Amino acid sequence: AEKEKRREGRRAVLLLLLSFAEIKEEMK
């Protein structure tokens, strides 16, 4: 169960980075 949690956390981090990069592009 812990392994699945870790995988979900990694996916959440990737989504956060993606949305952050998109916001950065829009601010230019």
C-alpha atoms as a PDB file:
ATOM      1  CA  ALA A   1       0.000   0.000   0.000  1.00  0.00           C
ATOM      2  CA  GLU A   2       2.861   2.367   0.796  1.00  0.00           C
ATOM      3  CA  LYS A   3       4.400   1.853  -2.631  1.00  0.00           C
ATOM      4  CA  GLU A   4       1.145   2.930  -4.277  1.00  0.00           C
ATOM      5  CA  LYS A   5       1.021   6.028  -2.078  1.00  0.00           C
ATOM      6  CA  ARG A   6       4.543   6.943  -3.108  1.00  0.00           C
ATOM      7  CA  ARG A   7       3.658   6.514  -6.786  1.00  0.00           C
ATOM      8  CA  GLU A   8       0.585   8.724  -6.406  1.00  0.00           C
ATOM      9  CA  GLY A   9       2.668  11.360  -4.635  1.00  0.00           C
ATOM     10  CA  ARG A  10       5.193  11.376  -7.455  1.00  0.00           C
ATOM     11  CA  ARG A  11       2.373  11.804  -9.985  1.00  0.00           C
ATOM     12  CA  ALA A  12       0.964  14.700  -7.956  1.00  0.00           C
ATOM     13  CA  VAL A  13       4.385  16.368  -7.913  1.00  0.00           C
ATOM     14  CA  LEU A  14       4.713  15.983 -11.685  1.00  0.00           C
ATOM     15  CA  LEU A  15       1.267  17.512 -12.198  1.00  0.00           C
ATOM     16  CA  LEU A  16       2.210  20.388  -9.884  1.00  0.00           C
ATOM     17  CA  LEU A  17       5.416  21.054 -11.831  1.00  0.00           C
ATOM     18  CA  LEU A  18       3.513  20.947 -15.121  1.00  0.00           C
ATOM     19  CA  SER A  19       0.854  23.410 -13.966  1.00  0.00           C
ATOM     20  CA  PHE A  20       3.567  25.640 -12.464  1.00  0.00           C
ATOM     21  CA  ALA A  21       5.472  25.662 -15.776  1.00  0.00           C
ATOM     22  CA  GLU A  22       2.269  26.571 -17.631  1.00  0.00           C
ATOM     23  CA  ILE A  23       1.614  29.471 -15.234  1.00  0.00           C
ATOM     24  CA  LYS A  24       5.198  30.671 -15.742  1.00  0.00           C
ATOM     25  CA  GLU A  25       4.714  30.639 -19.516  1.00  0.00           C
ATOM     26  CA  GLU A  26       1.484  32.641 -19.199  1.00  0.00           C
ATOM     27  CA  MET A  27       3.195  35.267 -17.031  1.00  0.00           C
ATOM     28  CA  LYS A  28       5.805  36.021 -19.713  1.00  0.00           C
END
